[in-house]
Amino acid sequence: MAVDQRNQKVQKLVEMGERVHLLVRLGQLGDSELIALSAHVSELDKVINAGFGKKAPVRESGLCPNCNALFEGSFCSGCGLNIDEFFSNPIIVCTSCEYVMEAGDIFCGVCGSKKGE
């Protein structure tokens, strides 16, 4: 039984830490130690996202931004994505963790930062 309560406590500490990180990024907490910890978490997010290929796609790379297959011309031979159409739209990257966001997103799905902040 005590193991279950410890697991619940750890989960609540994680939830609390995520909330504190969000409040620091929103400028609602000004404690210098929390700001430093939050900055470190944001840097870790960048490294993690880069490791998962979550960085802004570049047409010149020749890799499809949807499936990572090599493409030539206007369509990906792996998934059929219209490459011209994809790159004609602006690519939105989270300023906090560098995750590629969807056009309709208001907040980053990885770190919770508001688009454009």
N, C-alpha and C. Protein backbone atom coordinates (compact mmCIF):
# COMPACT_ATOMS: atom_id res chain seq x y z
N MET A 1 0.82 -1.19 0.00
CA MET A 1 0.00 0.00 0.00
C MET A 1 0.87 1.26 0.00
N ALA A 2 1.94 1.27 0.79
CA ALA A 2 2.80 2.46 0.87
C ALA A 2 3.44 2.76 -0.48
N VAL A 3 3.71 1.73 -1.28
CA VAL A 3 4.29 1.94 -2.61
C VAL A 3 3.33 2.72 -3.48
N ASP A 4 2.06 2.42 -3.39
CA ASP A 4 1.05 3.13 -4.17
C ASP A 4 1.01 4.61 -3.80
N GLN A 5 1.08 4.91 -2.51
CA GLN A 5 1.07 6.31 -2.07
C GLN A 5 2.34 7.04 -2.53
N ARG A 6 3.48 6.35 -2.50
CA ARG A 6 4.72 6.97 -2.99
C ARG A 6 4.62 7.27 -4.47
N ASN A 7 4.05 6.36 -5.24
CA ASN A 7 3.86 6.60 -6.67
C ASN A 7 2.93 7.78 -6.91
N GLN A 8 1.87 7.88 -6.13
CA GLN A 8 0.95 9.01 -6.24
C GLN A 8 1.66 10.31 -5.90
N LYS A 9 2.51 10.27 -4.86
CA LYS A 9 3.26 11.47 -4.47
C LYS A 9 4.19 11.91 -5.59
N VAL A 10 4.90 10.97 -6.18
CA VAL A 10 5.81 11.30 -7.28
C VAL A 10 5.03 11.91 -8.44
N GLN A 11 3.87 11.35 -8.77
CA GLN A 11 3.05 11.89 -9.85
C GLN A 11 2.61 13.31 -9.54
N LYS A 12 2.22 13.57 -8.30
CA LYS A 12 1.80 14.93 -7.91
C LYS A 12 2.97 15.90 -7.95
N LEU A 13 4.17 15.46 -7.57
CA LEU A 13 5.35 16.32 -7.65
C LEU A 13 5.68 16.64 -9.11
N VAL A 14 5.51 15.67 -9.99
CA VAL A 14 5.74 15.91 -11.42
C VAL A 14 4.72 16.93 -11.93
N GLU A 15 3.45 16.74 -11.59
CA GLU A 15 2.42 17.69 -12.01
C GLU A 15 2.71 19.09 -11.48
N MET A 16 3.15 19.18 -10.22
CA MET A 16 3.47 20.47 -9.63
C MET A 16 4.66 21.11 -10.36
N GLY A 17 5.67 20.31 -10.66
CA GLY A 17 6.84 20.82 -11.38
C GLY A 17 6.48 21.32 -12.76
N GLU A 18 5.60 20.61 -13.47
CA GLU A 18 5.16 21.06 -14.79
C GLU A 18 4.42 22.39 -14.68
N ARG A 19 3.60 22.52 -13.65
CA ARG A 19 2.84 23.77 -13.45
C ARG A 19 3.78 24.93 -13.12
N VAL A 20 4.76 24.68 -12.27
CA VAL A 20 5.74 25.72 -11.92
C VAL A 20 6.51 26.13 -13.16
N HIS A 21 6.92 25.16 -13.97
CA HIS A 21 7.66 25.45 -15.21
C HIS A 21 6.82 26.35 -16.13
N LEU A 22 5.53 26.04 -16.26
CA LEU A 22 4.65 26.86 -17.08
C LEU A 22 4.53 28.28 -16.51
N LEU A 23 4.34 28.41 -15.20
CA LEU A 23 4.21 29.73 -14.59
C LEU A 23 5.48 30.56 -14.72
N VAL A 24 6.63 29.92 -14.64
CA VAL A 24 7.90 30.63 -14.83
C VAL A 24 7.98 31.15 -16.27
N ARG A 25 7.65 30.28 -17.24
CA ARG A 25 7.71 30.69 -18.65
C ARG A 25 6.72 31.81 -18.96
N LEU A 26 5.61 31.85 -18.23
CA LEU A 26 4.61 32.90 -18.44
C LEU A 26 4.96 34.18 -17.68
N GLY A 27 6.07 34.14 -16.93
CA GLY A 27 6.51 35.32 -16.18
C GLY A 27 5.74 35.54 -14.89
N GLN A 28 5.03 34.53 -14.41
CA GLN A 28 4.21 34.69 -13.21
C GLN A 28 4.94 34.29 -11.93
N LEU A 29 6.13 33.69 -12.07
CA LEU A 29 6.96 33.36 -10.92
C LEU A 29 8.35 33.94 -11.18
N GLY A 30 8.88 34.65 -10.22
CA GLY A 30 10.14 35.34 -10.44
C GLY A 30 11.31 34.84 -9.60
N ASP A 31 11.14 33.72 -8.93
CA ASP A 31 12.22 33.17 -8.10
C ASP A 31 13.41 32.79 -9.00
N SER A 32 14.58 33.30 -8.69
CA SER A 32 15.75 33.09 -9.56
C SER A 32 16.13 31.62 -9.69
N GLU A 33 15.97 30.84 -8.63
CA GLU A 33 16.29 29.41 -8.71
C GLU A 33 15.30 28.68 -9.61
N LEU A 34 14.01 29.04 -9.51
CA LEU A 34 13.02 28.43 -10.38
C LEU A 34 13.24 28.83 -11.83
N ILE A 35 13.62 30.07 -12.06
CA ILE A 35 13.89 30.53 -13.43
C ILE A 35 15.06 29.74 -14.02
N ALA A 36 16.10 29.52 -13.23
CA ALA A 36 17.25 28.76 -13.70
C ALA A 36 16.87 27.31 -13.99
N LEU A 37 16.08 26.70 -13.10
CA LEU A 37 15.63 25.33 -13.33
C LEU A 37 14.75 25.24 -14.58
N SER A 38 13.87 26.20 -14.75
CA SER A 38 12.99 26.21 -15.91
C SER A 38 13.79 26.36 -17.20
N ALA A 39 14.80 27.21 -17.19
CA ALA A 39 15.65 27.38 -18.37
C ALA A 39 16.36 26.08 -18.71
N HIS A 40 16.80 25.37 -17.68
CA HIS A 40 17.48 24.09 -17.90
C HIS A 40 16.51 23.07 -18.50
N VAL A 41 15.27 23.04 -18.00
CA VAL A 41 14.25 22.13 -18.55
C VAL A 41 14.00 22.47 -20.02
N SER A 42 13.92 23.75 -20.36
CA SER A 42 13.71 24.15 -21.75
C SER A 42 14.86 23.70 -22.64
N GLU A 43 16.09 23.81 -22.14
CA GLU A 43 17.25 23.34 -22.92
C GLU A 43 17.19 21.82 -23.11
N LEU A 44 16.77 21.09 -22.09
CA LEU A 44 16.61 19.65 -22.22
C LEU A 44 15.53 19.31 -23.25
N ASP A 45 14.43 20.08 -23.26
CA ASP A 45 13.39 19.88 -24.27
C ASP A 45 13.96 20.00 -25.68
N LYS A 46 14.83 20.99 -25.89
CA LYS A 46 15.44 21.17 -27.22
C LYS A 46 16.26 19.95 -27.62
N VAL A 47 17.04 19.43 -26.69
CA VAL A 47 17.87 18.26 -26.98
C VAL A 47 17.00 17.04 -27.25
N ILE A 48 15.98 16.84 -26.42
CA ILE A 48 15.08 15.70 -26.59
C ILE A 48 14.37 15.78 -27.94
N ASN A 49 13.84 16.96 -28.27
CA ASN A 49 13.12 17.10 -29.53
C ASN A 49 14.04 16.89 -30.72
N ALA A 50 15.27 17.38 -30.66
CA ALA A 50 16.22 17.18 -31.74
C ALA A 50 16.51 15.69 -31.92
N GLY A 51 16.58 14.96 -30.80
CA GLY A 51 16.82 13.52 -30.86
C GLY A 51 15.69 12.76 -31.51
N PHE A 52 14.49 13.29 -31.42
CA PHE A 52 13.33 12.66 -32.06
C PHE A 52 13.03 13.25 -33.43
N GLY A 53 13.94 14.05 -33.94
CA GLY A 53 13.74 14.64 -35.25
C GLY A 53 12.73 15.77 -35.25
N LYS A 54 12.42 16.31 -34.09
CA LYS A 54 11.42 17.37 -33.99
C LYS A 54 12.09 18.73 -34.20
N LYS A 55 12.58 18.95 -35.39
CA LYS A 55 13.15 20.23 -35.72
C LYS A 55 12.55 20.70 -37.03
N ALA A 56 12.65 21.95 -37.28
CA ALA A 56 12.01 22.53 -38.46
C ALA A 56 12.51 21.85 -39.74
N PRO A 57 11.60 21.37 -40.57
CA PRO A 57 12.02 20.73 -41.82
C PRO A 57 12.58 21.76 -42.80
N VAL A 58 13.53 21.32 -43.60
CA VAL A 58 14.16 22.16 -44.60
C VAL A 58 14.03 21.46 -45.94
N ARG A 59 13.46 22.14 -46.91
CA ARG A 59 13.22 21.52 -48.22
C ARG A 59 14.52 20.99 -48.83
N GLU A 60 15.59 21.75 -48.67
CA GLU A 60 16.86 21.37 -49.29
C GLU A 60 17.45 20.07 -48.72
N SER A 61 16.93 19.60 -47.59
CA SER A 61 17.44 18.36 -47.01
C SER A 61 17.05 17.16 -47.87
N GLY A 62 15.95 17.31 -48.66
CA GLY A 62 15.47 16.20 -49.47
C GLY A 62 14.71 15.16 -48.69
N LEU A 63 14.42 15.45 -47.40
CA LEU A 63 13.66 14.52 -46.56
C LEU A 63 12.24 15.02 -46.39
N CYS A 64 11.30 14.12 -46.58
CA CYS A 64 9.89 14.47 -46.41
C CYS A 64 9.63 14.86 -44.96
N PRO A 65 8.98 16.01 -44.71
CA PRO A 65 8.70 16.43 -43.34
C PRO A 65 7.64 15.57 -42.66
N ASN A 66 6.95 14.74 -43.42
CA ASN A 66 5.91 13.89 -42.85
C ASN A 66 6.42 12.50 -42.48
N CYS A 67 7.22 11.88 -43.38
CA CYS A 67 7.63 10.49 -43.15
C CYS A 67 9.14 10.27 -43.21
N ASN A 68 9.91 11.32 -43.49
CA ASN A 68 11.37 11.27 -43.56
C ASN A 68 11.92 10.47 -44.74
N ALA A 69 11.06 10.11 -45.69
CA ALA A 69 11.56 9.44 -46.90
C ALA A 69 12.22 10.49 -47.79
N LEU A 70 13.16 10.06 -48.61
CA LEU A 70 13.76 10.99 -49.57
C LEU A 70 12.72 11.32 -50.63
N PHE A 71 12.70 12.57 -51.05
CA PHE A 71 11.76 12.95 -52.11
C PHE A 71 12.51 13.67 -53.22
N GLU A 72 11.96 13.58 -54.41
CA GLU A 72 12.43 14.36 -55.55
C GLU A 72 11.19 14.94 -56.20
N GLY A 73 11.24 16.19 -56.57
CA GLY A 73 10.09 16.82 -57.22
C GLY A 73 9.09 17.35 -56.22
N SER A 74 7.82 17.29 -56.60
CA SER A 74 6.76 17.94 -55.83
C SER A 74 6.02 17.03 -54.87
N PHE A 75 6.22 15.73 -54.95
CA PHE A 75 5.49 14.80 -54.09
C PHE A 75 6.43 13.78 -53.47
N CYS A 76 6.13 13.40 -52.25
CA CYS A 76 6.91 12.38 -51.56
C CYS A 76 6.50 11.02 -52.08
N SER A 77 7.47 10.21 -52.46
CA SER A 77 7.15 8.86 -52.95
C SER A 77 6.81 7.92 -51.80
N GLY A 78 7.12 8.31 -50.56
CA GLY A 78 6.82 7.46 -49.41
C GLY A 78 5.40 7.61 -48.90
N CYS A 79 4.93 8.86 -48.80
CA CYS A 79 3.59 9.07 -48.22
C CYS A 79 2.68 9.91 -49.11
N GLY A 80 3.23 10.45 -50.20
CA GLY A 80 2.40 11.23 -51.13
C GLY A 80 2.22 12.69 -50.76
N LEU A 81 2.90 13.17 -49.72
CA LEU A 81 2.75 14.56 -49.31
C LEU A 81 3.11 15.49 -50.46
N ASN A 82 2.29 16.52 -50.65
CA ASN A 82 2.58 17.55 -51.64
C ASN A 82 3.65 18.47 -51.04
N ILE A 83 4.88 18.28 -51.48
CA ILE A 83 6.02 19.01 -50.91
C ILE A 83 5.90 20.51 -51.18
N ASP A 84 5.51 20.88 -52.41
CA ASP A 84 5.37 22.30 -52.73
C ASP A 84 4.36 22.98 -51.82
N GLU A 85 3.22 22.32 -51.62
CA GLU A 85 2.17 22.89 -50.78
C GLU A 85 2.65 22.99 -49.33
N PHE A 86 3.32 21.96 -48.84
CA PHE A 86 3.80 21.97 -47.46
C PHE A 86 4.73 23.16 -47.21
N PHE A 87 5.70 23.35 -48.10
CA PHE A 87 6.69 24.40 -47.88
C PHE A 87 6.19 25.79 -48.30
N SER A 88 5.00 25.87 -48.89
CA SER A 88 4.44 27.18 -49.20
C SER A 88 3.80 27.82 -47.96
N ASN A 89 3.55 27.00 -46.93
CA ASN A 89 2.99 27.49 -45.67
C ASN A 89 4.12 27.78 -44.69
N PRO A 90 3.94 28.77 -43.82
CA PRO A 90 4.99 29.06 -42.83
C PRO A 90 5.14 27.90 -41.85
N ILE A 91 6.38 27.63 -41.47
CA ILE A 91 6.66 26.59 -40.48
C ILE A 91 6.83 27.29 -39.14
N ILE A 92 6.02 26.88 -38.17
CA ILE A 92 5.99 27.52 -36.87
C ILE A 92 6.77 26.64 -35.89
N VAL A 93 7.78 27.23 -35.26
CA VAL A 93 8.62 26.51 -34.32
C VAL A 93 8.48 27.15 -32.95
N CYS A 94 8.29 26.33 -31.93
CA CYS A 94 8.18 26.82 -30.56
C CYS A 94 9.47 27.53 -30.19
N THR A 95 9.34 28.73 -29.65
CA THR A 95 10.51 29.51 -29.28
C THR A 95 11.17 28.99 -28.00
N SER A 96 10.47 28.13 -27.27
CA SER A 96 11.02 27.59 -26.03
C SER A 96 11.77 26.28 -26.25
N CYS A 97 11.12 25.32 -26.95
CA CYS A 97 11.73 23.99 -27.07
C CYS A 97 12.04 23.59 -28.51
N GLU A 98 11.70 24.43 -29.48
CA GLU A 98 11.98 24.22 -30.90
C GLU A 98 11.16 23.08 -31.53
N TYR A 99 10.06 22.70 -30.91
CA TYR A 99 9.15 21.71 -31.49
C TYR A 99 8.39 22.35 -32.63
N VAL A 100 8.19 21.63 -33.72
CA VAL A 100 7.43 22.15 -34.86
C VAL A 100 5.95 22.08 -34.51
N MET A 101 5.29 23.25 -34.52
CA MET A 101 3.89 23.34 -34.15
C MET A 101 3.00 23.36 -35.39
N GLU A 102 1.78 22.95 -35.22
CA GLU A 102 0.79 23.02 -36.29
C GLU A 102 0.28 24.45 -36.40
N ALA A 103 -0.21 24.83 -37.56
CA ALA A 103 -0.66 26.20 -37.80
C ALA A 103 -1.75 26.64 -36.82
N GLY A 104 -2.65 25.75 -36.46
CA GLY A 104 -3.76 26.10 -35.57
C GLY A 104 -3.44 26.04 -34.09
N ASP A 105 -2.24 25.58 -33.75
CA ASP A 105 -1.88 25.47 -32.34
C ASP A 105 -1.72 26.83 -31.70
N ILE A 106 -2.21 26.95 -30.49
CA ILE A 106 -2.01 28.16 -29.70
C ILE A 106 -0.86 27.92 -28.72
N PHE A 107 -0.78 26.69 -28.20
CA PHE A 107 0.26 26.32 -27.26
C PHE A 107 1.06 25.15 -27.81
N CYS A 108 2.33 25.08 -27.46
CA CYS A 108 3.19 23.98 -27.85
C CYS A 108 2.71 22.70 -27.19
N GLY A 109 2.62 21.63 -27.96
CA GLY A 109 2.19 20.34 -27.42
C GLY A 109 3.24 19.65 -26.59
N VAL A 110 4.47 20.13 -26.61
CA VAL A 110 5.55 19.52 -25.83
C VAL A 110 5.77 20.25 -24.52
N CYS A 111 5.99 21.57 -24.59
CA CYS A 111 6.37 22.31 -23.38
C CYS A 111 5.26 23.24 -22.88
N GLY A 112 4.22 23.45 -23.65
CA GLY A 112 3.12 24.29 -23.20
C GLY A 112 3.29 25.77 -23.42
N SER A 113 4.38 26.18 -24.04
CA SER A 113 4.58 27.62 -24.29
C SER A 113 3.55 28.12 -25.29
N LYS A 114 3.15 29.37 -25.11
CA LYS A 114 2.21 30.00 -26.01
C LYS A 114 2.93 30.39 -27.30
N LYS A 115 2.28 30.15 -28.44
CA LYS A 115 2.88 30.46 -29.72
C LYS A 115 3.26 31.93 -29.78
N GLY A 116 4.48 32.20 -30.22
CA GLY A 116 4.95 33.58 -30.39
C GLY A 116 5.54 34.20 -29.15
N GLU A 117 5.62 33.47 -28.06
CA GLU A 117 6.20 34.04 -26.83
C GLU A 117 7.52 33.38 -26.52
